[in-house]
Amino acid sequence: MKGNPKQDDPLIQNLHDAGCSQQIIEQFMQSRQEGNIFCQMHILIKQRNLLLEDLHKDQNKLDCLDYLLFQLKKGC
């Protein structure tokens, strides 16, 4: 499916909201223009994996803080 500039605005905004860099957005839009769905999927999956990795890192930080809070409450 080739892009229409008016229809692309919400797509670009969504990619931006998903944390995609300008470079990633440009790569995605180029792949969209070329009709390369495989490449589009690859870009989205890669971005999703990066976000998931960050989420896991943040979850680990929360777990550390929860442990410290638990230890403090246990000591009171």
Protein backbone atom coordinates (compact mmCIF):
# COMPACT_ATOMS: atom_id res chain seq x y z
CA MET A 1 0.00 0.00 0.00
CA LYS A 2 1.57 3.24 -1.12
CA GLY A 3 1.30 6.31 1.05
CA ASN A 4 -0.91 9.33 0.60
CA PRO A 5 0.61 12.45 2.21
CA LYS A 6 -2.66 13.42 3.94
CA GLN A 7 -3.21 9.90 5.23
CA ASP A 8 0.43 9.63 6.30
CA ASP A 9 0.18 12.37 8.95
CA PRO A 10 -1.55 10.16 11.57
CA LEU A 11 0.85 7.33 10.74
CA ILE A 12 3.88 9.55 11.22
CA GLN A 13 2.41 10.86 14.48
CA ASN A 14 1.82 7.30 15.67
CA LEU A 15 5.39 6.32 14.86
CA HIS A 16 6.63 9.39 16.71
CA ASP A 17 4.40 8.59 19.70
CA ALA A 18 5.81 5.06 19.68
CA GLY A 19 9.28 6.52 20.26
CA CYS A 20 10.61 6.13 16.74
CA SER A 21 13.46 8.44 15.79
CA GLN A 22 13.20 10.64 12.72
CA GLN A 23 15.57 8.27 10.94
CA ILE A 24 13.37 5.26 11.73
CA ILE A 25 10.26 7.16 10.60
CA GLU A 26 11.96 8.06 7.32
CA GLN A 27 13.02 4.44 6.77
CA PHE A 28 9.50 3.25 7.49
CA MET A 29 7.92 5.80 5.16
CA GLN A 30 10.40 4.91 2.40
CA SER A 31 9.50 1.24 2.80
CA ARG A 32 5.82 2.18 2.74
CA GLN A 33 6.30 4.16 -0.48
CA GLU A 34 8.01 1.16 -2.01
CA GLY A 35 5.21 -1.12 -0.82
CA ASN A 36 7.72 -3.24 1.12
CA ILE A 37 5.53 -4.65 3.90
CA PHE A 38 8.28 -7.04 5.05
CA CYS A 39 10.62 -4.10 5.69
CA GLN A 40 7.87 -2.15 7.45
CA MET A 41 7.19 -5.10 9.73
CA HIS A 42 10.90 -5.52 10.42
CA ILE A 43 11.20 -1.85 11.43
CA LEU A 44 8.16 -2.04 13.72
CA ILE A 45 9.27 -5.30 15.33
CA LYS A 46 12.75 -3.91 15.93
CA GLN A 47 11.29 -0.78 17.56
CA ARG A 48 8.94 -2.92 19.65
CA ASN A 49 11.85 -5.06 20.85
CA LEU A 50 13.81 -1.94 21.84
CA LEU A 51 10.85 -0.65 23.83
CA LEU A 52 10.36 -4.03 25.47
CA GLU A 53 14.03 -4.16 26.44
CA ASP A 54 13.73 -0.71 28.03
CA LEU A 55 10.58 -1.81 29.82
CA HIS A 56 12.38 -4.81 31.29
CA LYS A 57 15.24 -2.60 32.47
CA ASP A 58 12.77 -0.24 34.13
CA GLN A 59 10.91 -3.17 35.68
CA ASN A 60 14.18 -4.36 37.21
CA LYS A 61 14.74 -0.90 38.69
CA LEU A 62 11.24 -0.97 40.17
CA ASP A 63 11.89 -4.41 41.62
CA CYS A 64 15.05 -3.10 43.32
CA LEU A 65 13.15 -0.18 44.83
CA ASP A 66 10.31 -2.44 45.94
CA TYR A 67 12.84 -4.70 47.68
CA LEU A 68 14.37 -1.74 49.52
CA LEU A 69 10.92 -0.51 50.55
CA PHE A 70 10.04 -3.99 51.76
CA GLN A 71 13.23 -4.15 53.82
CA LEU A 72 12.51 -0.74 55.37
CA LYS A 73 8.93 -1.70 56.26
CA LYS A 74 10.12 -5.01 57.68
CA GLY A 75 12.56 -3.16 59.93
CA CYS A 76 9.94 -0.79 61.37
